[in-house]
Each structure stands twice: as structure tokens, then as C-alpha cells.
Amino acid sequence: MHDHSFSANATDVKIDSEMLTIYLEDGRIISVPIAYFPRLLQATPEQRNSWRLIGRGQGISWKDIDEDLSVEGLLGVH
């Protein structure tokens, strides 16, 4: 059983041609190769950098490429 009461909200996102890095308000940093996300991998640099935080930082959305990621999912919380 997992406790889902913690707060893991993103405050910033950095993305390049290889890595997606998400900065969390509690100080943690998540780095994931963009190869795990085909839409991000195939996107142009402009599309990759056109992200916005959603749900008060609970997720990241790339409207132009129809990609949404949740912080919980990136942390592997089930």
C-alpha cells in the first residue's frame, strides 16, 4: 500500500534532444531520457520547449504534440 498524500509538484522543466529534467518543489530532480517518450523524441526543439505545467504542477503538457505527463507517473507511484 502506498501513501499518496505527499506533494510532488513540478516547478520547472528543462528539455533538450536527449533528456527531460523536471524540478520538484520539494527539491527532487527527475531526469529521464526522452527516448521513453516517442512524441517528445520526434518533436522539434520548438515543440519540446512549448510545455506548460498543469494541475498546479502535477503534470506537464505539450499541447502542440498532444503529450501529457504526470509527476506521479514519472516517479513511478502506483
PDB file of N, CA and C in Angstrom:
ATOM      1  N   MET A   1       0.844  -1.180   0.000  1.00  0.00           N
ATOM      2  CA  MET A   1       0.000   0.000   0.000  1.00  0.00           C
ATOM      3  C   MET A   1       0.888   1.241   0.000  1.00  0.00           C
ATOM      4  N   HIS A   2       0.540   2.195  -0.842  1.00  0.00           N
ATOM      5  CA  HIS A   2       1.314   3.420  -0.953  1.00  0.00           C
ATOM      6  C   HIS A   2       0.530   4.578  -0.362  1.00  0.00           C
ATOM      7  N   ASP A   3       1.252   5.523   0.220  1.00  0.00           N
ATOM      8  CA  ASP A   3       0.647   6.736   0.749  1.00  0.00           C
ATOM      9  C   ASP A   3       0.706   7.798  -0.338  1.00  0.00           C
ATOM     10  N   HIS A   4      -0.445   8.200  -0.855  1.00  0.00           N
ATOM     11  CA  HIS A   4      -0.497   9.177  -1.931  1.00  0.00           C
ATOM     12  C   HIS A   4      -0.694  10.595  -1.412  1.00  0.00           C
ATOM     13  N   SER A   5      -0.461  10.835  -0.129  1.00  0.00           N
ATOM     14  CA  SER A   5      -0.728  12.144   0.437  1.00  0.00           C
ATOM     15  C   SER A   5       0.440  13.109   0.266  1.00  0.00           C
ATOM     16  N   PHE A   6       1.581  12.642  -0.252  1.00  0.00           N
ATOM     17  CA  PHE A   6       2.713  13.535  -0.419  1.00  0.00           C
ATOM     18  C   PHE A   6       2.457  14.486  -1.576  1.00  0.00           C
ATOM     19  N   SER A   7       3.193  15.577  -1.572  1.00  0.00           N
ATOM     20  CA  SER A   7       3.066  16.550  -2.639  1.00  0.00           C
ATOM     21  C   SER A   7       4.327  16.503  -3.488  1.00  0.00           C
ATOM     22  N   ALA A   8       4.183  16.186  -4.735  1.00  0.00           N
ATOM     23  CA  ALA A   8       5.319  16.136  -5.651  1.00  0.00           C
ATOM     24  C   ALA A   8       4.970  16.943  -6.887  1.00  0.00           C
ATOM     25  N   ASN A   9       4.994  18.246  -6.756  1.00  0.00           N
ATOM     26  CA  ASN A   9       4.611  19.100  -7.865  1.00  0.00           C
ATOM     27  C   ASN A   9       5.835  19.688  -8.549  1.00  0.00           C
ATOM     28  N   ALA A  10       5.763  19.777  -9.868  1.00  0.00           N
ATOM     29  CA  ALA A  10       6.847  20.344 -10.661  1.00  0.00           C
ATOM     30  C   ALA A  10       6.839  21.862 -10.550  1.00  0.00           C
ATOM     31  N   THR A  11       8.036  22.430 -10.569  1.00  0.00           N
ATOM     32  CA  THR A  11       8.174  23.886 -10.591  1.00  0.00           C
ATOM     33  C   THR A  11       8.842  24.367 -11.871  1.00  0.00           C
ATOM     34  N   ASP A  12       9.599  23.477 -12.529  1.00  0.00           N
ATOM     35  CA  ASP A  12      10.289  23.857 -13.758  1.00  0.00           C
ATOM     36  C   ASP A  12      10.602  22.610 -14.576  1.00  0.00           C
ATOM     37  N   VAL A  13      10.801  22.811 -15.862  1.00  0.00           N
ATOM     38  CA  VAL A  13      11.113  21.723 -16.785  1.00  0.00           C
ATOM     39  C   VAL A  13      12.230  22.197 -17.711  1.00  0.00           C
ATOM     40  N   LYS A  14      13.200  21.331 -17.922  1.00  0.00           N
ATOM     41  CA  LYS A  14      14.253  21.577 -18.916  1.00  0.00           C
ATOM     42  C   LYS A  14      14.253  20.374 -19.846  1.00  0.00           C
ATOM     43  N   ILE A  15      14.353  20.638 -21.130  1.00  0.00           N
ATOM     44  CA  ILE A  15      14.333  19.538 -22.091  1.00  0.00           C
ATOM     45  C   ILE A  15      15.278  19.864 -23.237  1.00  0.00           C
ATOM     46  N   ASP A  16      16.030  18.850 -23.653  1.00  0.00           N
ATOM     47  CA  ASP A  16      16.896  19.003 -24.817  1.00  0.00           C
ATOM     48  C   ASP A  16      16.705  17.785 -25.713  1.00  0.00           C
ATOM     49  N   SER A  17      17.610  17.557 -26.629  1.00  0.00           N
ATOM     50  CA  SER A  17      17.437  16.469 -27.596  1.00  0.00           C
ATOM     51  C   SER A  17      17.626  15.087 -26.982  1.00  0.00           C
ATOM     52  N   GLU A  18      18.072  15.022 -25.723  1.00  0.00           N
ATOM     53  CA  GLU A  18      18.311  13.730 -25.086  1.00  0.00           C
ATOM     54  C   GLU A  18      17.578  13.515 -23.770  1.00  0.00           C
ATOM     55  N   MET A  19      17.432  14.562 -22.961  1.00  0.00           N
ATOM     56  CA  MET A  19      16.915  14.385 -21.600  1.00  0.00           C
ATOM     57  C   MET A  19      15.758  15.325 -21.281  1.00  0.00           C
ATOM     58  N   LEU A  20      14.822  14.800 -20.491  1.00  0.00           N
ATOM     59  CA  LEU A  20      13.748  15.574 -19.879  1.00  0.00           C
ATOM     60  C   LEU A  20      14.086  15.669 -18.396  1.00  0.00           C
ATOM     61  N   THR A  21      14.205  16.885 -17.884  1.00  0.00           N
ATOM     62  CA  THR A  21      14.534  17.094 -16.477  1.00  0.00           C
ATOM     63  C   THR A  21      13.435  17.925 -15.842  1.00  0.00           C
ATOM     64  N   ILE A  22      12.886  17.403 -14.739  1.00  0.00           N
ATOM     65  CA  ILE A  22      11.787  18.065 -14.042  1.00  0.00           C
ATOM     66  C   ILE A  22      12.234  18.379 -12.628  1.00  0.00           C
ATOM     67  N   TYR A  23      12.050  19.629 -12.236  1.00  0.00           N
ATOM     68  CA  TYR A  23      12.418  20.098 -10.905  1.00  0.00           C
ATOM     69  C   TYR A  23      11.163  20.143 -10.048  1.00  0.00           C
ATOM     70  N   LEU A  24      11.213  19.508  -8.882  1.00  0.00           N
ATOM     71  CA  LEU A  24      10.060  19.434  -7.990  1.00  0.00           C
ATOM     72  C   LEU A  24      10.195  20.426  -6.848  1.00  0.00           C
ATOM     73  N   GLU A  25       9.041  20.838  -6.313  1.00  0.00           N
ATOM     74  CA  GLU A  25       9.045  21.839  -5.256  1.00  0.00           C
ATOM     75  C   GLU A  25       9.692  21.346  -3.969  1.00  0.00           C
ATOM     76  N   ASP A  26       9.809  20.028  -3.793  1.00  0.00           N
ATOM     77  CA  ASP A  26      10.445  19.508  -2.578  1.00  0.00           C
ATOM     78  C   ASP A  26      11.954  19.332  -2.742  1.00  0.00           C
ATOM     79  N   GLY A  27      12.502  19.791  -3.881  1.00  0.00           N
ATOM     80  CA  GLY A  27      13.938  19.739  -4.094  1.00  0.00           C
ATOM     81  C   GLY A  27      14.417  18.582  -4.950  1.00  0.00           C
ATOM     82  N   ARG A  28      13.549  17.601  -5.188  1.00  0.00           N
ATOM     83  CA  ARG A  28      13.959  16.479  -6.031  1.00  0.00           C
ATOM     84  C   ARG A  28      14.034  16.908  -7.492  1.00  0.00           C
ATOM     85  N   ILE A  29      14.869  16.198  -8.233  1.00  0.00           N
ATOM     86  CA  ILE A  29      15.021  16.413  -9.668  1.00  0.00           C
ATOM     87  C   ILE A  29      14.868  15.054 -10.348  1.00  0.00           C
ATOM     88  N   ILE A  30      13.994  15.002 -11.347  1.00  0.00           N
ATOM     89  CA  ILE A  30      13.774  13.780 -12.121  1.00  0.00           C
ATOM     90  C   ILE A  30      14.395  14.000 -13.498  1.00  0.00           C
ATOM     91  N   SER A  31      15.245  13.093 -13.930  1.00  0.00           N
ATOM     92  CA  SER A  31      15.800  13.147 -15.288  1.00  0.00           C
ATOM     93  C   SER A  31      15.501  11.831 -15.986  1.00  0.00           C
ATOM     94  N   VAL A  32      14.911  11.935 -17.171  1.00  0.00           N
ATOM     95  CA  VAL A  32      14.513  10.756 -17.935  1.00  0.00           C
ATOM     96  C   VAL A  32      14.919  10.973 -19.393  1.00  0.00           C
ATOM     97  N   PRO A  33      15.524   9.970 -20.027  1.00  0.00           N
ATOM     98  CA  PRO A  33      15.815  10.111 -21.462  1.00  0.00           C
ATOM     99  C   PRO A  33      14.518  10.312 -22.250  1.00  0.00           C
ATOM    100  N   ILE A  34      14.524  11.254 -23.201  1.00  0.00           N
ATOM    101  CA  ILE A  34      13.290  11.483 -23.961  1.00  0.00           C
ATOM    102  C   ILE A  34      12.974  10.311 -24.883  1.00  0.00           C
ATOM    103  N   ALA A  35      13.901   9.383 -25.042  1.00  0.00           N
ATOM    104  CA  ALA A  35      13.623   8.181 -25.837  1.00  0.00           C
ATOM    105  C   ALA A  35      12.442   7.393 -25.270  1.00  0.00           C
ATOM    106  N   TYR A  36      12.129   7.577 -23.978  1.00  0.00           N
ATOM    107  CA  TYR A  36      10.970   6.917 -23.365  1.00  0.00           C
ATOM    108  C   TYR A  36       9.649   7.529 -23.831  1.00  0.00           C
ATOM    109  N   PHE A  37       9.713   8.682 -24.470  1.00  0.00           N
ATOM    110  CA  PHE A  37       8.512   9.408 -24.882  1.00  0.00           C
ATOM    111  C   PHE A  37       8.615   9.711 -26.379  1.00  0.00           C
ATOM    112  N   PRO A  38       8.126   8.805 -27.231  1.00  0.00           N
ATOM    113  CA  PRO A  38       8.285   8.962 -28.683  1.00  0.00           C
ATOM    114  C   PRO A  38       7.828  10.312 -29.231  1.00  0.00           C
ATOM    115  N   ARG A  39       6.758  10.864 -28.700  1.00  0.00           N
ATOM    116  CA  ARG A  39       6.290  12.161 -29.212  1.00  0.00           C
ATOM    117  C   ARG A  39       7.307  13.258 -28.932  1.00  0.00           C
ATOM    118  N   LEU A  40       7.915  13.225 -27.748  1.00  0.00           N
ATOM    119  CA  LEU A  40       8.948  14.216 -27.436  1.00  0.00           C
ATOM    120  C   LEU A  40      10.195  13.980 -28.282  1.00  0.00           C
ATOM    121  N   LEU A  41      10.542  12.733 -28.484  1.00  0.00           N
ATOM    122  CA  LEU A  41      11.725  12.392 -29.270  1.00  0.00           C
ATOM    123  C   LEU A  41      11.588  12.882 -30.709  1.00  0.00           C
ATOM    124  N   GLN A  42      10.399  12.756 -31.275  1.00  0.00           N
ATOM    125  CA  GLN A  42      10.167  13.134 -32.671  1.00  0.00           C
ATOM    126  C   GLN A  42       9.832  14.615 -32.843  1.00  0.00           C
ATOM    127  N   ALA A  43       9.596  15.316 -31.759  1.00  0.00           N
ATOM    128  CA  ALA A  43       9.211  16.726 -31.821  1.00  0.00           C
ATOM    129  C   ALA A  43      10.404  17.608 -32.190  1.00  0.00           C
ATOM    130  N   THR A  44      10.090  18.768 -32.731  1.00  0.00           N
ATOM    131  CA  THR A  44      11.135  19.757 -32.995  1.00  0.00           C
ATOM    132  C   THR A  44      11.562  20.382 -31.661  1.00  0.00           C
ATOM    133  N   PRO A  45      12.737  21.018 -31.619  1.00  0.00           N
ATOM    134  CA  PRO A  45      13.138  21.708 -30.380  1.00  0.00           C
ATOM    135  C   PRO A  45      12.097  22.733 -29.928  1.00  0.00           C
ATOM    136  N   GLU A  46      11.495  23.438 -30.879  1.00  0.00           N
ATOM    137  CA  GLU A  46      10.472  24.428 -30.527  1.00  0.00           C
ATOM    138  C   GLU A  46       9.264  23.757 -29.878  1.00  0.00           C
ATOM    139  N   GLN A  47       8.838  22.617 -30.435  1.00  0.00           N
ATOM    140  CA  GLN A  47       7.705  21.890 -29.854  1.00  0.00           C
ATOM    141  C   GLN A  47       8.055  21.358 -28.467  1.00  0.00           C
ATOM    142  N   ARG A  48       9.251  20.825 -28.295  1.00  0.00           N
ATOM    143  CA  ARG A  48       9.668  20.311 -26.980  1.00  0.00           C
ATOM    144  C   ARG A  48       9.657  21.405 -25.926  1.00  0.00           C
ATOM    145  N   ASN A  49      10.063  22.601 -26.331  1.00  0.00           N
ATOM    146  CA  ASN A  49      10.153  23.699 -25.368  1.00  0.00           C
ATOM    147  C   ASN A  49       8.841  24.439 -25.180  1.00  0.00           C
ATOM    148  N   SER A  50       7.798  24.013 -25.864  1.00  0.00           N
ATOM    149  CA  SER A  50       6.484  24.633 -25.729  1.00  0.00           C
ATOM    150  C   SER A  50       5.630  23.831 -24.744  1.00  0.00           C
ATOM    151  N   TRP A  51       6.085  23.746 -23.503  1.00  0.00           N
ATOM    152  CA  TRP A  51       5.393  22.990 -22.462  1.00  0.00           C
ATOM    153  C   TRP A  51       4.736  23.962 -21.483  1.00  0.00           C
ATOM    154  N   ARG A  52       3.815  23.425 -20.701  1.00  0.00           N
ATOM    155  CA  ARG A  52       3.239  24.203 -19.594  1.00  0.00           C
ATOM    156  C   ARG A  52       2.910  23.250 -18.462  1.00  0.00           C
ATOM    157  N   LEU A  53       3.002  23.762 -17.245  1.00  0.00           N
ATOM    158  CA  LEU A  53       2.625  22.975 -16.074  1.00  0.00           C
ATOM    159  C   LEU A  53       1.111  22.969 -15.970  1.00  0.00           C
ATOM    160  N   ILE A  54       0.551  21.830 -15.603  1.00  0.00           N
ATOM    161  CA  ILE A  54      -0.892  21.713 -15.426  1.00  0.00           C
ATOM    162  C   ILE A  54      -1.185  21.162 -14.032  1.00  0.00           C
ATOM    163  N   GLY A  55      -2.388  21.420 -13.546  1.00  0.00           N
ATOM    164  CA  GLY A  55      -2.788  20.910 -12.236  1.00  0.00           C
ATOM    165  C   GLY A  55      -1.880  21.372 -11.112  1.00  0.00           C
ATOM    166  N   ARG A  56      -1.517  22.647 -11.135  1.00  0.00           N
ATOM    167  CA  ARG A  56      -0.626  23.215 -10.105  1.00  0.00           C
ATOM    168  C   ARG A  56       0.709  22.482 -10.017  1.00  0.00           C
ATOM    169  N   GLY A  57       1.182  21.986 -11.154  1.00  0.00           N
ATOM    170  CA  GLY A  57       2.471  21.310 -11.195  1.00  0.00           C
ATOM    171  C   GLY A  57       2.395  19.807 -11.075  1.00  0.00           C
ATOM    172  N   GLN A  58       1.186  19.245 -11.086  1.00  0.00           N
ATOM    173  CA  GLN A  58       1.051  17.788 -11.012  1.00  0.00           C
ATOM    174  C   GLN A  58       1.370  17.120 -12.338  1.00  0.00           C
ATOM    175  N   GLY A  59       1.432  17.917 -13.403  1.00  0.00           N
ATOM    176  CA  GLY A  59       1.730  17.362 -14.710  1.00  0.00           C
ATOM    177  C   GLY A  59       2.330  18.397 -15.632  1.00  0.00           C
ATOM    178  N   ILE A  60       2.809  17.911 -16.772  1.00  0.00           N
ATOM    179  CA  ILE A  60       3.378  18.758 -17.806  1.00  0.00           C
ATOM    180  C   ILE A  60       2.642  18.443 -19.098  1.00  0.00           C
ATOM    181  N   SER A  61       2.293  19.480 -19.849  1.00  0.00           N
ATOM    182  CA  SER A  61       1.550  19.306 -21.092  1.00  0.00           C
ATOM    183  C   SER A  61       2.294  19.963 -22.248  1.00  0.00           C
ATOM    184  N   TRP A  62       2.335  19.239 -23.365  1.00  0.00           N
ATOM    185  CA  TRP A  62       2.840  19.754 -24.634  1.00  0.00           C
ATOM    186  C   TRP A  62       1.659  19.716 -25.598  1.00  0.00           C
ATOM    187  N   LYS A  63       0.910  20.797 -25.663  1.00  0.00           N
ATOM    188  CA  LYS A  63      -0.316  20.835 -26.461  1.00  0.00           C
ATOM    189  C   LYS A  63      -0.048  20.578 -27.943  1.00  0.00           C
ATOM    190  N   ASP A  64       1.038  21.136 -28.477  1.00  0.00           N
ATOM    191  CA  ASP A  64       1.327  21.024 -29.912  1.00  0.00           C
ATOM    192  C   ASP A  64       1.549  19.591 -30.372  1.00  0.00           C
ATOM    193  N   ILE A  65       2.020  18.720 -29.469  1.00  0.00           N
ATOM    194  CA  ILE A  65       2.288  17.326 -29.857  1.00  0.00           C
ATOM    195  C   ILE A  65       1.382  16.343 -29.117  1.00  0.00           C
ATOM    196  N   ASP A  66       0.370  16.871 -28.412  1.00  0.00           N
ATOM    197  CA  ASP A  66      -0.619  16.049 -27.710  1.00  0.00           C
ATOM    198  C   ASP A  66       0.038  15.081 -26.717  1.00  0.00           C
ATOM    199  N   GLU A  67       0.940  15.622 -25.892  1.00  0.00           N
ATOM    200  CA  GLU A  67       1.629  14.810 -24.880  1.00  0.00           C
ATOM    201  C   GLU A  67       1.395  15.417 -23.506  1.00  0.00           C
ATOM    202  N   ASP A  68       0.993  14.582 -22.562  1.00  0.00           N
ATOM    203  CA  ASP A  68       0.821  14.985 -21.169  1.00  0.00           C
ATOM    204  C   ASP A  68       1.499  13.946 -20.291  1.00  0.00           C
ATOM    205  N   LEU A  69       2.294  14.403 -19.325  1.00  0.00           N
ATOM    206  CA  LEU A  69       2.964  13.510 -18.383  1.00  0.00           C
ATOM    207  C   LEU A  69       2.625  13.934 -16.970  1.00  0.00           C
ATOM    208  N   SER A  70       2.416  12.961 -16.093  1.00  0.00           N
ATOM    209  CA  SER A  70       2.162  13.276 -14.687  1.00  0.00           C
ATOM    210  C   SER A  70       3.439  13.077 -13.883  1.00  0.00           C
ATOM    211  N   VAL A  71       3.620  13.909 -12.873  1.00  0.00           N
ATOM    212  CA  VAL A  71       4.777  13.771 -11.991  1.00  0.00           C
ATOM    213  C   VAL A  71       4.714  12.422 -11.286  1.00  0.00           C
ATOM    214  N   GLU A  72       3.538  12.030 -10.809  1.00  0.00           N
ATOM    215  CA  GLU A  72       3.401  10.725 -10.143  1.00  0.00           C
ATOM    216  C   GLU A  72       3.850   9.594 -11.055  1.00  0.00           C
ATOM    217  N   GLY A  73       3.442   9.650 -12.319  1.00  0.00           N
ATOM    218  CA  GLY A  73       3.838   8.616 -13.265  1.00  0.00           C
ATOM    219  C   GLY A  73       5.342   8.575 -13.469  1.00  0.00           C
ATOM    220  N   LEU A  74       5.959   9.747 -13.541  1.00  0.00           N
ATOM    221  CA  LEU A  74       7.407   9.806 -13.715  1.00  0.00           C
ATOM    222  C   LEU A  74       8.152   9.307 -12.487  1.00  0.00           C
ATOM    223  N   LEU A  75       7.548   9.477 -11.329  1.00  0.00           N
ATOM    224  CA  LEU A  75       8.155   8.983 -10.086  1.00  0.00           C
ATOM    225  C   LEU A  75       7.894   7.498  -9.875  1.00  0.00           C
ATOM    226  N   GLY A  76       6.990   6.927 -10.666  1.00  0.00           N
ATOM    227  CA  GLY A  76       6.681   5.506 -10.526  1.00  0.00           C
ATOM    228  C   GLY A  76       5.744   5.201  -9.378  1.00  0.00           C
ATOM    229  N   VAL A  77       4.922   6.173  -8.993  1.00  0.00           N
ATOM    230  CA  VAL A  77       3.954   5.964  -7.914  1.00  0.00           C
ATOM    231  C   VAL A  77       2.729   5.281  -8.497  1.00  0.00           C
ATOM    232  N   HIS A  78       2.314   4.169  -7.864  1.00  0.00           N
ATOM    233  CA  HIS A  78       1.140   3.430  -8.348  1.00  0.00           C
ATOM    234  C   HIS A  78       0.103   3.333  -7.259  1.00  0.00           C
TER     235      HIS A  78
END
